[in-house]
Amino acid sequence: MDKELLNYNIEKNSKSKNPKSDREIFLDSIVQSCLLSVEKAVEFGLDKNKIILSVKISDVQEMLSATEKLSEKTDCPLHL
């Protein structure tokens, strides 16, 4: 998780007219961080077809929610 990204999203959310819950911001930040990592890996030369994504959170329901959100934003294979 990119902590700077999380802090940015928290700050941005605090100024929103319709703020999201802390949970939503946390999950969105995890997904964004993961997608940014994919972009960086591809920029460094890794073939996208060799990337498998895995979200690890100690709370299983949170992990499943983040993985579901991630599945909506990427065609990379996911590992639970």
C-alpha atoms as a PDB file:
ATOM      1  CA  MET A   1       0.000   0.000   0.000  1.00  0.00           C
ATOM      2  CA  ASP A   2       1.323   3.392  -1.003  1.00  0.00           C
ATOM      3  CA  LYS A   3       0.890   5.427   2.191  1.00  0.00           C
ATOM      4  CA  GLU A   4       1.302   8.735   0.358  1.00  0.00           C
ATOM      5  CA  LEU A   5      -1.557   7.729  -1.929  1.00  0.00           C
ATOM      6  CA  LEU A   6      -3.699   6.785   1.067  1.00  0.00           C
ATOM      7  CA  ASN A   7      -2.987  10.124   2.750  1.00  0.00           C
ATOM      8  CA  TYR A   8      -3.763  11.961  -0.492  1.00  0.00           C
ATOM      9  CA  ASN A   9      -7.082  10.110  -0.836  1.00  0.00           C
ATOM     10  CA  ILE A  10      -7.987  10.800   2.798  1.00  0.00           C
ATOM     11  CA  GLU A  11      -7.269  14.502   2.336  1.00  0.00           C
ATOM     12  CA  LYS A  12      -9.187  14.644  -0.952  1.00  0.00           C
ATOM     13  CA  ASN A  13     -12.132  12.820   0.620  1.00  0.00           C
ATOM     14  CA  SER A  14     -12.215  15.214   3.577  1.00  0.00           C
ATOM     15  CA  LYS A  15     -12.906  18.060   1.121  1.00  0.00           C
ATOM     16  CA  SER A  16     -15.580  16.181  -0.805  1.00  0.00           C
ATOM     17  CA  LYS A  17     -19.221  17.209  -0.687  1.00  0.00           C
ATOM     18  CA  ASN A  18     -20.138  13.513  -0.497  1.00  0.00           C
ATOM     19  CA  PRO A  19     -17.311  11.887   1.456  1.00  0.00           C
ATOM     20  CA  LYS A  20     -16.780   8.147   1.360  1.00  0.00           C
ATOM     21  CA  SER A  21     -16.371   6.034   4.469  1.00  0.00           C
ATOM     22  CA  ASP A  22     -12.886   5.340   5.820  1.00  0.00           C
ATOM     23  CA  ARG A  23     -13.316   1.735   4.695  1.00  0.00           C
ATOM     24  CA  GLU A  24     -14.096   2.798   1.118  1.00  0.00           C
ATOM     25  CA  ILE A  25     -11.088   5.117   1.029  1.00  0.00           C
ATOM     26  CA  PHE A  26      -8.855   2.354   2.373  1.00  0.00           C
ATOM     27  CA  LEU A  27     -10.072  -0.204  -0.190  1.00  0.00           C
ATOM     28  CA  ASP A  28      -9.921   2.281  -3.078  1.00  0.00           C
ATOM     29  CA  SER A  29      -6.376   3.216  -2.078  1.00  0.00           C
ATOM     30  CA  ILE A  30      -5.293  -0.419  -1.993  1.00  0.00           C
ATOM     31  CA  VAL A  31      -6.708  -0.953  -5.487  1.00  0.00           C
ATOM     32  CA  GLN A  32      -5.102   2.231  -6.832  1.00  0.00           C
ATOM     33  CA  SER A  33      -1.784   1.301  -5.255  1.00  0.00           C
ATOM     34  CA  CYS A  34      -1.914  -2.153  -6.814  1.00  0.00           C
ATOM     35  CA  LEU A  35      -2.704  -0.731 -10.260  1.00  0.00           C
ATOM     36  CA  LEU A  36       0.144   1.764  -9.954  1.00  0.00           C
ATOM     37  CA  SER A  37       2.486  -1.110  -9.091  1.00  0.00           C
ATOM     38  CA  VAL A  38       1.399  -2.911 -12.258  1.00  0.00           C
ATOM     39  CA  GLU A  39       2.104   0.216 -14.314  1.00  0.00           C
ATOM     40  CA  LYS A  40       5.557   0.571 -12.768  1.00  0.00           C
ATOM     41  CA  ALA A  41       6.388  -3.107 -13.322  1.00  0.00           C
ATOM     42  CA  VAL A  42       5.435  -2.808 -16.994  1.00  0.00           C
ATOM     43  CA  GLU A  43       7.469   0.414 -17.301  1.00  0.00           C
ATOM     44  CA  PHE A  44      10.479  -1.482 -15.902  1.00  0.00           C
ATOM     45  CA  GLY A  45      10.072  -4.125 -18.584  1.00  0.00           C
ATOM     46  CA  LEU A  46       7.993  -6.893 -17.025  1.00  0.00           C
ATOM     47  CA  ASP A  47       5.512  -8.428 -19.460  1.00  0.00           C
ATOM     48  CA  LYS A  48       1.978  -7.726 -18.261  1.00  0.00           C
ATOM     49  CA  ASN A  49       1.023 -11.341 -19.000  1.00  0.00           C
ATOM     50  CA  LYS A  50       3.492 -12.424 -16.280  1.00  0.00           C
ATOM     51  CA  ILE A  51       1.845 -10.344 -13.543  1.00  0.00           C
ATOM     52  CA  ILE A  52      -0.482 -11.960 -11.010  1.00  0.00           C
ATOM     53  CA  LEU A  53      -2.067  -9.662  -8.438  1.00  0.00           C
ATOM     54  CA  SER A  54      -2.779 -10.541  -4.841  1.00  0.00           C
ATOM     55  CA  VAL A  55      -4.297  -8.327  -2.154  1.00  0.00           C
ATOM     56  CA  LYS A  56      -3.440  -9.327   1.395  1.00  0.00           C
ATOM     57  CA  ILE A  57      -5.434  -7.876   4.282  1.00  0.00           C
ATOM     58  CA  SER A  58      -5.848  -9.626   7.624  1.00  0.00           C
ATOM     59  CA  ASP A  59      -9.636  -9.133   7.535  1.00  0.00           C
ATOM     60  CA  VAL A  60     -10.908 -11.693   4.989  1.00  0.00           C
ATOM     61  CA  GLN A  61     -14.034  -9.710   4.057  1.00  0.00           C
ATOM     62  CA  GLU A  62     -11.903  -6.615   3.418  1.00  0.00           C
ATOM     63  CA  MET A  63      -9.521  -8.667   1.290  1.00  0.00           C
ATOM     64  CA  LEU A  64     -12.385 -10.070  -0.766  1.00  0.00           C
ATOM     65  CA  SER A  65     -13.912  -6.604  -1.225  1.00  0.00           C
ATOM     66  CA  ALA A  66     -10.597  -5.162  -2.387  1.00  0.00           C
ATOM     67  CA  THR A  67     -10.021  -8.093  -4.741  1.00  0.00           C
ATOM     68  CA  GLU A  68     -13.504  -7.676  -6.198  1.00  0.00           C
ATOM     69  CA  LYS A  69     -12.887  -3.951  -6.780  1.00  0.00           C
ATOM     70  CA  LEU A  70      -9.545  -4.795  -8.353  1.00  0.00           C
ATOM     71  CA  SER A  71     -11.153  -7.338 -10.686  1.00  0.00           C
ATOM     72  CA  GLU A  72     -13.345  -4.550 -12.080  1.00  0.00           C
ATOM     73  CA  LYS A  73     -10.308  -2.460 -13.011  1.00  0.00           C
ATOM     74  CA  THR A  74      -7.801  -4.899 -14.467  1.00  0.00           C
ATOM     75  CA  ASP A  75      -7.577  -7.962 -16.653  1.00  0.00           C
ATOM     76  CA  CYS A  76      -4.536  -9.278 -14.762  1.00  0.00           C
ATOM     77  CA  PRO A  77      -5.058 -12.641 -13.054  1.00  0.00           C
ATOM     78  CA  LEU A  78      -5.864 -12.418  -9.351  1.00  0.00           C
ATOM     79  CA  HIS A  79      -4.724 -14.693  -6.548  1.00  0.00           C
ATOM     80  CA  LEU A  80      -6.617 -14.977  -3.270  1.00  0.00           C
END
